[in-house]
PDB file of N, CA and C in Angstrom:
ATOM      1  N   MET A   1       7.235 -29.630   6.953  1.00  0.00           N
ATOM      2  CA  MET A   1       6.051 -29.203   6.033  1.00  0.00           C
ATOM      3  C   MET A   1       5.455 -27.924   6.515  1.00  0.00           C
ATOM      4  N   ASN A   2       5.186 -27.188   5.624  1.00  0.00           N
ATOM      5  CA  ASN A   2       4.513 -25.698   5.799  1.00  0.00           C
ATOM      6  C   ASN A   2       3.163 -25.779   6.015  1.00  0.00           C
ATOM      7  N   HIS A   3       2.534 -25.215   6.927  1.00  0.00           N
ATOM      8  CA  HIS A   3       1.038 -25.075   7.248  1.00  0.00           C
ATOM      9  C   HIS A   3       0.567 -24.251   6.159  1.00  0.00           C
ATOM     10  N   PRO A   4      -0.482 -24.574   5.475  1.00  0.00           N
ATOM     11  CA  PRO A   4      -1.026 -23.830   4.363  1.00  0.00           C
ATOM     12  C   PRO A   4      -1.614 -22.329   4.916  1.00  0.00           C
ATOM     13  N   GLY A   5      -1.953 -22.270   6.182  1.00  0.00           N
ATOM     14  CA  GLY A   5      -2.265 -20.861   6.636  1.00  0.00           C
ATOM     15  C   GLY A   5      -1.083 -19.889   6.963  1.00  0.00           C
ATOM     16  N   ALA A   6       0.018 -20.622   7.135  1.00  0.00           N
ATOM     17  CA  ALA A   6       1.394 -19.803   7.368  1.00  0.00           C
ATOM     18  C   ALA A   6       1.679 -18.990   6.010  1.00  0.00           C
ATOM     19  N   SER A   7       1.468 -19.710   4.987  1.00  0.00           N
ATOM     20  CA  SER A   7       1.815 -18.948   3.575  1.00  0.00           C
ATOM     21  C   SER A   7       0.881 -17.825   3.537  1.00  0.00           C
ATOM     22  N   LEU A   8      -0.376 -18.057   3.881  1.00  0.00           N
ATOM     23  CA  LEU A   8      -1.368 -16.850   3.760  1.00  0.00           C
ATOM     24  C   LEU A   8      -0.931 -15.779   4.627  1.00  0.00           C
ATOM     25  N   ILE A   9      -0.501 -16.052   5.776  1.00  0.00           N
ATOM     26  CA  ILE A   9      -0.186 -15.088   6.739  1.00  0.00           C
ATOM     27  C   ILE A   9       1.034 -14.275   6.182  1.00  0.00           C
ATOM     28  N   VAL A  10       1.918 -14.986   5.618  1.00  0.00           N
ATOM     29  CA  VAL A  10       3.212 -14.464   5.002  1.00  0.00           C
ATOM     30  C   VAL A  10       2.818 -13.447   3.919  1.00  0.00           C
ATOM     31  N   VAL A  11       1.948 -13.928   2.932  1.00  0.00           N
ATOM     32  CA  VAL A  11       1.559 -13.093   1.866  1.00  0.00           C
ATOM     33  C   VAL A  11       0.875 -11.844   2.324  1.00  0.00           C
ATOM     34  N   TRP A  12      -0.070 -11.876   3.465  1.00  0.00           N
ATOM     35  CA  TRP A  12      -0.843 -10.807   3.869  1.00  0.00           C
ATOM     36  C   TRP A  12       0.238  -9.935   4.597  1.00  0.00           C
ATOM     37  N   GLY A  13       0.983 -10.452   5.373  1.00  0.00           N
ATOM     38  CA  GLY A  13       2.024  -9.657   6.185  1.00  0.00           C
ATOM     39  C   GLY A  13       2.899  -8.898   5.143  1.00  0.00           C
ATOM     40  N   LEU A  14       3.337  -9.469   4.125  1.00  0.00           N
ATOM     41  CA  LEU A  14       4.173  -8.722   3.182  1.00  0.00           C
ATOM     42  C   LEU A  14       3.374  -7.648   2.429  1.00  0.00           C
ATOM     43  N   THR A  15       2.028  -8.111   2.077  1.00  0.00           N
ATOM     44  CA  THR A  15       1.232  -7.061   1.426  1.00  0.00           C
ATOM     45  C   THR A  15       0.833  -5.758   2.280  1.00  0.00           C
ATOM     46  N   LEU A  16       0.657  -5.993   3.598  1.00  0.00           N
ATOM     47  CA  LEU A  16       0.347  -4.915   4.516  1.00  0.00           C
ATOM     48  C   LEU A  16       1.576  -3.967   4.816  1.00  0.00           C
ATOM     49  N   VAL A  17       2.793  -4.879   5.060  1.00  0.00           N
ATOM     50  CA  VAL A  17       3.798  -4.098   5.427  1.00  0.00           C
ATOM     51  C   VAL A  17       4.602  -3.264   4.261  1.00  0.00           C
ATOM     52  N   SER A  18       4.472  -3.982   2.914  1.00  0.00           N
ATOM     53  CA  SER A  18       5.006  -3.088   1.926  1.00  0.00           C
ATOM     54  C   SER A  18       4.138  -2.022   1.430  1.00  0.00           C
ATOM     55  N   SER A  19       2.710  -2.063   1.645  1.00  0.00           N
ATOM     56  CA  SER A  19       1.809  -1.095   1.420  1.00  0.00           C
ATOM     57  C   SER A  19       2.068  -0.003   2.347  1.00  0.00           C
ATOM     58  N   GLY A  20       2.275  -0.440   3.554  1.00  0.00           N
ATOM     59  CA  GLY A  20       2.679   0.694   4.569  1.00  0.00           C
ATOM     60  C   GLY A  20       3.801   1.452   4.307  1.00  0.00           C
ATOM     61  N   PHE A  21       4.871   0.597   3.895  1.00  0.00           N
ATOM     62  CA  PHE A  21       6.076   1.494   3.520  1.00  0.00           C
ATOM     63  C   PHE A  21       5.749   2.469   2.371  1.00  0.00           C
ATOM     64  N   PHE A  22       5.090   2.090   1.377  1.00  0.00           N
ATOM     65  CA  PHE A  22       4.874   2.930   0.237  1.00  0.00           C
ATOM     66  C   PHE A  22       3.959   4.015   0.602  1.00  0.00           C
ATOM     67  N   ILE A  23       2.899   3.661   1.485  1.00  0.00           N
ATOM     68  CA  ILE A  23       1.981   4.991   1.941  1.00  0.00           C
ATOM     69  C   ILE A  23       2.823   5.978   2.883  1.00  0.00           C
ATOM     70  N   LEU A  24       3.728   5.385   3.664  1.00  0.00           N
ATOM     71  CA  LEU A  24       4.558   6.349   4.376  1.00  0.00           C
ATOM     72  C   LEU A  24       5.411   7.142   3.523  1.00  0.00           C
ATOM     73  N   CYS A  25       6.093   6.567   2.589  1.00  0.00           N
ATOM     74  CA  CYS A  25       7.024   7.297   1.543  1.00  0.00           C
ATOM     75  C   CYS A  25       6.146   8.178   0.801  1.00  0.00           C
ATOM     76  N   ASP A  26       4.893   7.906   0.236  1.00  0.00           N
ATOM     77  CA  ASP A  26       4.004   8.875  -0.435  1.00  0.00           C
ATOM     78  C   ASP A  26       3.727   9.985   0.484  1.00  0.00           C
ATOM     79  N   SER A  27       3.346   9.716   1.673  1.00  0.00           N
ATOM     80  CA  SER A  27       2.976  10.708   2.671  1.00  0.00           C
ATOM     81  C   SER A  27       4.093  11.844   2.984  1.00  0.00           C
ATOM     82  N   LEU A  28       5.320  11.190   3.170  1.00  0.00           N
ATOM     83  CA  LEU A  28       6.336  12.039   3.362  1.00  0.00           C
ATOM     84  C   LEU A  28       6.849  12.918   2.156  1.00  0.00           C
ATOM     85  N   SER A  29       6.675  12.242   0.952  1.00  0.00           N
ATOM     86  CA  SER A  29       7.031  12.862  -0.141  1.00  0.00           C
ATOM     87  C   SER A  29       5.996  14.133  -0.249  1.00  0.00           C
ATOM     88  N   ALA A  30       4.869  13.899  -0.037  1.00  0.00           N
ATOM     89  CA  ALA A  30       3.913  15.003  -0.152  1.00  0.00           C
ATOM     90  C   ALA A  30       4.218  16.082   1.030  1.00  0.00           C
ATOM     91  N   ASN A  31       4.620  15.566   2.114  1.00  0.00           N
ATOM     92  CA  ASN A  31       4.919  16.627   3.230  1.00  0.00           C
ATOM     93  C   ASN A  31       6.110  17.502   2.858  1.00  0.00           C
ATOM     94  N   TRP A  32       7.130  16.830   2.034  1.00  0.00           N
ATOM     95  CA  TRP A  32       8.258  17.577   1.621  1.00  0.00           C
ATOM     96  C   TRP A  32       7.959  18.550   0.606  1.00  0.00           C
ATOM     97  N   ALA A  33       7.108  18.085  -0.374  1.00  0.00           N
ATOM     98  CA  ALA A  33       6.654  18.963  -1.367  1.00  0.00           C
ATOM     99  C   ALA A  33       5.721  20.230  -0.836  1.00  0.00           C
ATOM    100  N   LYS A  34       4.876  20.004   0.192  1.00  0.00           N
ATOM    101  CA  LYS A  34       4.055  21.048   0.602  1.00  0.00           C
ATOM    102  C   LYS A  34       4.646  21.879   1.619  1.00  0.00           C
ATOM    103  N   VAL A  35       5.556  21.362   2.411  1.00  0.00           N
ATOM    104  CA  VAL A  35       6.072  22.317   3.539  1.00  0.00           C
ATOM    105  C   VAL A  35       7.639  22.378   3.352  1.00  0.00           C
ATOM    106  N   GLY A  36       8.252  21.733   2.475  1.00  0.00           N
ATOM    107  CA  GLY A  36       9.730  21.604   2.329  1.00  0.00           C
ATOM    108  C   GLY A  36      10.492  21.094   3.431  1.00  0.00           C
ATOM    109  N   SER A  37       9.934  19.969   4.038  1.00  0.00           N
ATOM    110  CA  SER A  37      10.622  19.293   5.094  1.00  0.00           C
ATOM    111  C   SER A  37      11.865  18.390   4.457  1.00  0.00           C
ATOM    112  N   ARG A  38      13.001  18.809   4.698  1.00  0.00           N
ATOM    113  CA  ARG A  38      14.103  17.983   4.108  1.00  0.00           C
ATOM    114  C   ARG A  38      14.105  16.536   4.906  1.00  0.00           C
ATOM    115  N   LEU A  39      13.669  16.678   6.136  1.00  0.00           N
ATOM    116  CA  LEU A  39      13.910  15.482   6.985  1.00  0.00           C
ATOM    117  C   LEU A  39      12.917  14.361   6.334  1.00  0.00           C
ATOM    118  N   SER A  40      11.641  14.834   5.892  1.00  0.00           N
ATOM    119  CA  SER A  40      10.807  14.027   5.156  1.00  0.00           C
ATOM    120  C   SER A  40      11.451  13.392   3.859  1.00  0.00           C
ATOM    121  N   LEU A  41      12.080  14.133   3.102  1.00  0.00           N
ATOM    122  CA  LEU A  41      12.787  13.781   1.990  1.00  0.00           C
ATOM    123  C   LEU A  41      13.842  12.707   2.205  1.00  0.00           C
ATOM    124  N   ALA A  42      14.598  13.057   3.256  1.00  0.00           N
ATOM    125  CA  ALA A  42      15.741  11.999   3.768  1.00  0.00           C
ATOM    126  C   ALA A  42      15.085  10.631   4.027  1.00  0.00           C
ATOM    127  N   VAL A  43      14.071  10.569   4.922  1.00  0.00           N
ATOM    128  CA  VAL A  43      13.546   9.444   5.216  1.00  0.00           C
ATOM    129  C   VAL A  43      12.956   8.727   3.960  1.00  0.00           C
ATOM    130  N   VAL A  44      12.241   9.433   2.996  1.00  0.00           N
ATOM    131  CA  VAL A  44      11.874   8.674   1.705  1.00  0.00           C
ATOM    132  C   VAL A  44      13.096   8.010   0.925  1.00  0.00           C
ATOM    133  N   ILE A  45      14.098   8.722   1.003  1.00  0.00           N
ATOM    134  CA  ILE A  45      15.323   8.373   0.252  1.00  0.00           C
ATOM    135  C   ILE A  45      15.737   6.956   0.980  1.00  0.00           C
ATOM    136  N   VAL A  46      15.708   6.891   2.160  1.00  0.00           N
ATOM    137  CA  VAL A  46      16.249   5.722   3.013  1.00  0.00           C
ATOM    138  C   VAL A  46      15.255   4.596   2.921  1.00  0.00           C
ATOM    139  N   LEU A  47      13.889   4.820   2.993  1.00  0.00           N
ATOM    140  CA  LEU A  47      12.847   3.970   3.187  1.00  0.00           C
ATOM    141  C   LEU A  47      12.434   3.259   1.825  1.00  0.00           C
ATOM    142  N   SER A  48      12.450   4.034   0.656  1.00  0.00           N
ATOM    143  CA  SER A  48      11.972   3.647  -0.543  1.00  0.00           C
ATOM    144  C   SER A  48      12.536   2.222  -0.972  1.00  0.00           C
ATOM    145  N   PRO A  49      13.893   1.984  -0.964  1.00  0.00           N
ATOM    146  CA  PRO A  49      14.306   0.747  -1.351  1.00  0.00           C
ATOM    147  C   PRO A  49      13.741  -0.524  -0.488  1.00  0.00           C
ATOM    148  N   THR A  50      13.212  -0.312   0.752  1.00  0.00           N
ATOM    149  CA  THR A  50      12.783  -1.319   1.633  1.00  0.00           C
ATOM    150  C   THR A  50      11.350  -1.589   1.070  1.00  0.00           C
ATOM    151  N   ALA A  51      10.698  -0.651   0.756  1.00  0.00           N
ATOM    152  CA  ALA A  51       9.256  -0.821   0.249  1.00  0.00           C
ATOM    153  C   ALA A  51       9.341  -1.742  -1.109  1.00  0.00           C
ATOM    154  N   TYR A  52      10.245  -1.491  -2.069  1.00  0.00           N
ATOM    155  CA  TYR A  52      10.517  -2.213  -3.308  1.00  0.00           C
ATOM    156  C   TYR A  52      11.022  -3.565  -2.912  1.00  0.00           C
ATOM    157  N   LEU A  53      11.814  -3.781  -1.963  1.00  0.00           N
ATOM    158  CA  LEU A  53      12.260  -5.106  -1.502  1.00  0.00           C
ATOM    159  C   LEU A  53      11.221  -5.840  -0.857  1.00  0.00           C
ATOM    160  N   LEU A  54      10.292  -5.475  -0.127  1.00  0.00           N
ATOM    161  CA  LEU A  54       9.210  -6.183   0.407  1.00  0.00           C
ATOM    162  C   LEU A  54       8.235  -6.560  -0.740  1.00  0.00           C
ATOM    163  N   PHE A  55       8.030  -5.520  -1.615  1.00  0.00           N
ATOM    164  CA  PHE A  55       7.144  -5.956  -2.739  1.00  0.00           C
ATOM    165  C   PHE A  55       7.629  -7.032  -3.569  1.00  0.00           C
ATOM    166  N   GLY A  56       8.973  -7.135  -3.776  1.00  0.00           N
ATOM    167  CA  GLY A  56       9.594  -8.109  -4.500  1.00  0.00           C
ATOM    168  C   GLY A  56       9.356  -9.417  -3.781  1.00  0.00           C
ATOM    169  N   LEU A  57       9.495  -9.415  -2.541  1.00  0.00           N
ATOM    170  CA  LEU A  57       9.309 -10.715  -1.816  1.00  0.00           C
ATOM    171  C   LEU A  57       7.859 -11.256  -1.844  1.00  0.00           C
ATOM    172  N   LEU A  58       6.872 -10.215  -1.954  1.00  0.00           N
ATOM    173  CA  LEU A  58       5.601 -10.525  -2.124  1.00  0.00           C
ATOM    174  C   LEU A  58       5.342 -11.070  -3.389  1.00  0.00           C
ATOM    175  N   ALA A  59       5.834 -10.500  -4.467  1.00  0.00           N
ATOM    176  CA  ALA A  59       5.709 -10.991  -5.948  1.00  0.00           C
ATOM    177  C   ALA A  59       6.331 -12.346  -6.191  1.00  0.00           C
ATOM    178  N   GLY A  60       7.345 -12.774  -5.341  1.00  0.00           N
ATOM    179  CA  GLY A  60       7.694 -14.159  -5.332  1.00  0.00           C
ATOM    180  C   GLY A  60       6.890 -15.139  -4.710  1.00  0.00           C
ATOM    181  N   LYS A  61       5.804 -14.583  -4.182  1.00  0.00           N
ATOM    182  CA  LYS A  61       4.811 -15.649  -3.340  1.00  0.00           C
ATOM    183  C   LYS A  61       3.487 -15.667  -4.101  1.00  0.00           C
ATOM    184  N   VAL A  62       3.121 -14.702  -4.757  1.00  0.00           N
ATOM    185  CA  VAL A  62       1.853 -14.605  -5.437  1.00  0.00           C
ATOM    186  C   VAL A  62       2.135 -13.978  -6.947  1.00  0.00           C
ATOM    187  N   ASN A  63       1.192 -14.224  -7.857  1.00  0.00           N
ATOM    188  CA  ASN A  63       1.415 -13.684  -9.198  1.00  0.00           C
ATOM    189  C   ASN A  63       1.562 -12.123  -9.082  1.00  0.00           C
ATOM    190  N   LEU A  64       2.364 -11.539  -9.921  1.00  0.00           N
ATOM    191  CA  LEU A  64       2.511 -10.188 -10.139  1.00  0.00           C
ATOM    192  C   LEU A  64       1.382  -9.391 -10.244  1.00  0.00           C
ATOM    193  N   ALA A  65       0.356  -9.799 -11.008  1.00  0.00           N
ATOM    194  CA  ALA A  65      -0.841  -9.081 -11.183  1.00  0.00           C
ATOM    195  C   ALA A  65      -1.577  -8.855  -9.951  1.00  0.00           C
ATOM    196  N   ILE A  66      -1.657 -10.025  -9.152  1.00  0.00           N
ATOM    197  CA  ILE A  66      -2.270  -9.927  -7.932  1.00  0.00           C
ATOM    198  C   ILE A  66      -1.600  -8.967  -6.852  1.00  0.00           C
ATOM    199  N   ALA A  67      -0.337  -9.188  -6.794  1.00  0.00           N
ATOM    200  CA  ALA A  67       0.470  -8.464  -5.838  1.00  0.00           C
ATOM    201  C   ALA A  67       0.451  -6.947  -6.086  1.00  0.00           C
ATOM    202  N   GLY A  68       0.700  -6.581  -7.425  1.00  0.00           N
ATOM    203  CA  GLY A  68       0.615  -5.281  -7.893  1.00  0.00           C
ATOM    204  C   GLY A  68      -0.796  -4.588  -7.503  1.00  0.00           C
ATOM    205  N   SER A  69      -1.718  -5.466  -7.860  1.00  0.00           N
ATOM    206  CA  SER A  69      -3.061  -4.813  -7.584  1.00  0.00           C
ATOM    207  C   SER A  69      -3.462  -4.698  -6.204  1.00  0.00           C
ATOM    208  N   LEU A  70      -3.107  -5.729  -5.387  1.00  0.00           N
ATOM    209  CA  LEU A  70      -3.342  -5.520  -3.854  1.00  0.00           C
ATOM    210  C   LEU A  70      -2.631  -4.346  -3.320  1.00  0.00           C
ATOM    211  N   VAL A  71      -1.378  -4.438  -3.613  1.00  0.00           N
ATOM    212  CA  VAL A  71      -0.511  -3.247  -2.970  1.00  0.00           C
ATOM    213  C   VAL A  71      -1.056  -1.960  -3.410  1.00  0.00           C
ATOM    214  N   ASN A  72      -1.103  -1.713  -4.778  1.00  0.00           N
ATOM    215  CA  ASN A  72      -1.582  -0.437  -5.373  1.00  0.00           C
ATOM    216  C   ASN A  72      -2.972   0.110  -4.801  1.00  0.00           C
ATOM    217  N   LEU A  73      -3.870  -0.895  -4.627  1.00  0.00           N
ATOM    218  CA  LEU A  73      -5.136  -0.536  -4.188  1.00  0.00           C
ATOM    219  C   LEU A  73      -5.105  -0.096  -2.670  1.00  0.00           C
ATOM    220  N   MET A  74      -4.300  -0.726  -1.910  1.00  0.00           N
ATOM    221  CA  MET A  74      -3.826  -0.358  -0.451  1.00  0.00           C
ATOM    222  C   MET A  74      -3.336   0.943  -0.462  1.00  0.00           C
ATOM    223  N   ILE A  75      -2.303   1.038  -1.122  1.00  0.00           N
ATOM    224  CA  ILE A  75      -1.761   2.527  -1.237  1.00  0.00           C
ATOM    225  C   ILE A  75      -2.676   3.579  -1.657  1.00  0.00           C
ATOM    226  N   MET A  76      -3.679   3.205  -2.557  1.00  0.00           N
ATOM    227  CA  MET A  76      -4.594   4.294  -2.773  1.00  0.00           C
ATOM    228  C   MET A  76      -5.510   4.669  -1.637  1.00  0.00           C
ATOM    229  N   ILE A  77      -5.907   3.443  -0.968  1.00  0.00           N
ATOM    230  CA  ILE A  77      -6.785   3.818   0.246  1.00  0.00           C
ATOM    231  C   ILE A  77      -5.856   4.387   1.379  1.00  0.00           C
ATOM    232  N   GLY A  78      -4.777   4.092   1.642  1.00  0.00           N
ATOM    233  CA  GLY A  78      -3.879   4.781   2.538  1.00  0.00           C
ATOM    234  C   GLY A  78      -3.623   6.141   2.231  1.00  0.00           C
ATOM    235  N   ALA A  79      -3.310   6.524   1.009  1.00  0.00           N
ATOM    236  CA  ALA A  79      -3.288   7.927   0.602  1.00  0.00           C
ATOM    237  C   ALA A  79      -4.376   8.758   0.862  1.00  0.00           C
ATOM    238  N   VAL A  80      -5.645   8.057   0.558  1.00  0.00           N
ATOM    239  CA  VAL A  80      -6.885   8.856   0.885  1.00  0.00           C
ATOM    240  C   VAL A  80      -6.876   9.135   2.381  1.00  0.00           C
ATOM    241  N   LEU A  81      -6.728   8.112   3.168  1.00  0.00           N
ATOM    242  CA  LEU A  81      -6.912   8.157   4.661  1.00  0.00           C
ATOM    243  C   LEU A  81      -5.823   9.356   5.101  1.00  0.00           C
ATOM    244  N   VAL A  82      -4.565   9.292   4.581  1.00  0.00           N
ATOM    245  CA  VAL A  82      -3.679  10.323   5.018  1.00  0.00           C
ATOM    246  C   VAL A  82      -3.984  11.732   4.523  1.00  0.00           C
ATOM    247  N   GLY A  83      -4.459  11.866   3.435  1.00  0.00           N
ATOM    248  CA  GLY A  83      -5.057  13.161   2.958  1.00  0.00           C
ATOM    249  C   GLY A  83      -6.099  13.650   3.688  1.00  0.00           C
ATOM    250  N   LEU A  84      -7.107  12.748   4.004  1.00  0.00           N
ATOM    251  CA  LEU A  84      -8.320  13.110   4.877  1.00  0.00           C
ATOM    252  C   LEU A  84      -7.864  13.679   6.291  1.00  0.00           C
ATOM    253  N   PHE A  85      -7.163  12.755   6.892  1.00  0.00           N
ATOM    254  CA  PHE A  85      -6.842  13.052   8.417  1.00  0.00           C
ATOM    255  C   PHE A  85      -5.640  13.790   8.614  1.00  0.00           C
ATOM    256  N   TYR A  86      -4.535  13.787   7.849  1.00  0.00           N
ATOM    257  CA  TYR A  86      -3.376  14.535   8.020  1.00  0.00           C
ATOM    258  C   TYR A  86      -3.341  15.943   7.106  1.00  0.00           C
ATOM    259  N   PHE A  87      -3.686  15.901   5.894  1.00  0.00           N
ATOM    260  CA  PHE A  87      -3.709  17.021   5.219  1.00  0.00           C
ATOM    261  C   PHE A  87      -4.979  17.638   5.092  1.00  0.00           C
ATOM    262  N   LYS A  88      -5.901  17.279   5.759  1.00  0.00           N
ATOM    263  CA  LYS A  88      -7.404  17.808   5.896  1.00  0.00           C
ATOM    264  C   LYS A  88      -8.043  18.079   4.566  1.00  0.00           C
ATOM    265  N   GLU A  89      -7.799  17.086   3.605  1.00  0.00           N
ATOM    266  CA  GLU A  89      -8.336  17.122   2.337  1.00  0.00           C
ATOM    267  C   GLU A  89      -9.900  16.690   2.308  1.00  0.00           C
ATOM    268  N   LYS A  90     -10.715  17.024   1.352  1.00  0.00           N
ATOM    269  CA  LYS A  90     -11.957  16.547   1.273  1.00  0.00           C
ATOM    270  C   LYS A  90     -12.230  15.578   0.071  1.00  0.00           C
ATOM    271  N   LEU A  91     -13.330  14.751   0.123  1.00  0.00           N
ATOM    272  CA  LEU A  91     -13.610  13.897  -1.076  1.00  0.00           C
ATOM    273  C   LEU A  91     -15.002  14.187  -1.450  1.00  0.00           C
ATOM    274  N   THR A  92     -15.293  14.067  -2.761  1.00  0.00           N
ATOM    275  CA  THR A  92     -16.686  13.969  -3.125  1.00  0.00           C
ATOM    276  C   THR A  92     -17.392  12.688  -3.113  1.00  0.00           C
ATOM    277  N   SER A  93     -18.704  12.525  -3.226  1.00  0.00           N
ATOM    278  CA  SER A  93     -19.471  11.313  -3.196  1.00  0.00           C
ATOM    279  C   SER A  93     -18.956  10.252  -4.147  1.00  0.00           C
ATOM    280  N   LEU A  94     -18.517  10.858  -5.366  1.00  0.00           N
ATOM    281  CA  LEU A  94     -18.205   9.963  -6.403  1.00  0.00           C
ATOM    282  C   LEU A  94     -16.690   9.349  -6.154  1.00  0.00           C
ATOM    283  N   GLN A  95     -15.866  10.241  -5.438  1.00  0.00           N
ATOM    284  CA  GLN A  95     -14.593   9.615  -5.041  1.00  0.00           C
ATOM    285  C   GLN A  95     -14.809   8.686  -3.932  1.00  0.00           C
ATOM    286  N   TRP A  96     -15.669   8.845  -2.988  1.00  0.00           N
ATOM    287  CA  TRP A  96     -16.018   7.850  -1.877  1.00  0.00           C
ATOM    288  C   TRP A  96     -16.506   6.468  -2.609  1.00  0.00           C
ATOM    289  N   LEU A  97     -17.301   6.525  -3.723  1.00  0.00           N
ATOM    290  CA  LEU A  97     -17.679   5.464  -4.355  1.00  0.00           C
ATOM    291  C   LEU A  97     -16.584   4.757  -4.910  1.00  0.00           C
ATOM    292  N   GLY A  98     -15.605   5.495  -5.518  1.00  0.00           N
ATOM    293  CA  GLY A  98     -14.404   4.761  -6.095  1.00  0.00           C
ATOM    294  C   GLY A  98     -13.644   4.019  -5.043  1.00  0.00           C
ATOM    295  N   ILE A  99     -13.619   4.504  -3.723  1.00  0.00           N
ATOM    296  CA  ILE A  99     -12.839   3.997  -2.661  1.00  0.00           C
ATOM    297  C   ILE A  99     -13.520   2.652  -2.301  1.00  0.00           C
ATOM    298  N   ALA A 100     -14.812   2.786  -2.362  1.00  0.00           N
ATOM    299  CA  ALA A 100     -15.673   1.464  -2.058  1.00  0.00           C
ATOM    300  C   ALA A 100     -15.469   0.443  -3.019  1.00  0.00           C
ATOM    301  N   PHE A 101     -15.353   0.779  -4.287  1.00  0.00           N
ATOM    302  CA  PHE A 101     -15.027  -0.297  -5.496  1.00  0.00           C
ATOM    303  C   PHE A 101     -13.552  -0.749  -5.167  1.00  0.00           C
ATOM    304  N   ALA A 102     -12.686   0.236  -4.833  1.00  0.00           N
ATOM    305  CA  ALA A 102     -11.222  -0.339  -4.504  1.00  0.00           C
ATOM    306  C   ALA A 102     -11.202  -1.405  -3.445  1.00  0.00           C
ATOM    307  N   ALA A 103     -12.110  -1.102  -2.389  1.00  0.00           N
ATOM    308  CA  ALA A 103     -12.119  -2.084  -1.220  1.00  0.00           C
ATOM    309  C   ALA A 103     -12.679  -3.371  -1.722  1.00  0.00           C
ATOM    310  N   LEU A 104     -13.806  -3.352  -2.566  1.00  0.00           N
ATOM    311  CA  LEU A 104     -14.348  -4.593  -3.126  1.00  0.00           C
ATOM    312  C   LEU A 104     -13.224  -5.138  -3.979  1.00  0.00           C
ATOM    313  N   ALA A 105     -12.583  -4.489  -4.582  1.00  0.00           N
ATOM    314  CA  ALA A 105     -11.559  -5.148  -5.560  1.00  0.00           C
ATOM    315  C   ALA A 105     -10.444  -5.934  -4.714  1.00  0.00           C
ATOM    316  N   ILE A 106     -10.083  -5.179  -3.448  1.00  0.00           N
ATOM    317  CA  ILE A 106      -9.178  -5.891  -2.663  1.00  0.00           C
ATOM    318  C   ILE A 106      -9.792  -7.174  -2.055  1.00  0.00           C
ATOM    319  N   LEU A 107     -10.968  -7.035  -1.700  1.00  0.00           N
ATOM    320  CA  LEU A 107     -11.494  -8.506  -1.218  1.00  0.00           C
ATOM    321  C   LEU A 107     -11.551  -9.502  -2.403  1.00  0.00           C
ATOM    322  N   THR A 108     -11.943  -8.998  -3.630  1.00  0.00           N
ATOM    323  CA  THR A 108     -12.163 -10.006  -4.737  1.00  0.00           C
ATOM    324  C   THR A 108     -10.714 -10.641  -5.104  1.00  0.00           C
ATOM    325  N   LEU A 109      -9.568  -9.705  -5.126  1.00  0.00           N
ATOM    326  CA  LEU A 109      -8.305 -10.214  -5.516  1.00  0.00           C
ATOM    327  C   LEU A 109      -7.721 -11.057  -4.344  1.00  0.00           C
ATOM    328  N   SER A 110      -8.085 -10.796  -3.064  1.00  0.00           N
ATOM    329  CA  SER A 110      -7.467 -11.568  -2.093  1.00  0.00           C
ATOM    330  C   SER A 110      -7.968 -13.029  -2.037  1.00  0.00           C
ATOM    331  N   LEU A 111      -9.117 -13.189  -2.687  1.00  0.00           N
ATOM    332  CA  LEU A 111      -9.822 -14.472  -2.726  1.00  0.00           C
ATOM    333  C   LEU A 111      -8.876 -15.528  -3.625  1.00  0.00           C
ATOM    334  N   SER A 112      -8.016 -14.903  -4.380  1.00  0.00           N
ATOM    335  CA  SER A 112      -7.363 -15.750  -5.231  1.00  0.00           C
ATOM    336  C   SER A 112      -5.691 -15.359  -5.249  1.00  0.00           C
ATOM    337  N   ALA A 113      -5.274 -15.154  -4.118  1.00  0.00           N
ATOM    338  CA  ALA A 113      -3.926 -14.447  -3.877  1.00  0.00           C
ATOM    339  C   ALA A 113      -2.709 -15.576  -3.884  1.00  0.00           C
ATOM    340  N   ARG A 114      -3.072 -16.751  -4.162  1.00  0.00           N
ATOM    341  CA  ARG A 114      -2.016 -17.816  -4.210  1.00  0.00           C
ATOM    342  C   ARG A 114      -1.564 -17.966  -5.526  1.00  0.00           C
ATOM    343  N   LYS A 115      -0.180 -18.371  -5.703  1.00  0.00           N
ATOM    344  CA  LYS A 115       0.276 -18.479  -6.876  1.00  0.00           C
ATOM    345  C   LYS A 115       0.213 -19.859  -7.563  1.00  0.00           C
TER     346      LYS A 115
END
């Protein structure tokens, strides 16, 4: 018999790991586009299928609407963090407000993350 908490751990693990793969691929794609790094492009080509495989496993555990929303919101927040700290981009106050709403959306969606 599976422990109910184990299922939640698997869901959050898949959410975080698949989001991490998507964020990494997005960041490497941007790096390739900005500086022409062919190594970045090669890594994206290799890792992208893994990101989608992990997302598929997640979608098998929770509703697609929840899985897609959680992963895409985390990708957005991850992309912002990479933009800020790696690419040294700046955000406006309104953009920060949008990020706060995204964080609230993640919290709200996670409360009903079971299928």
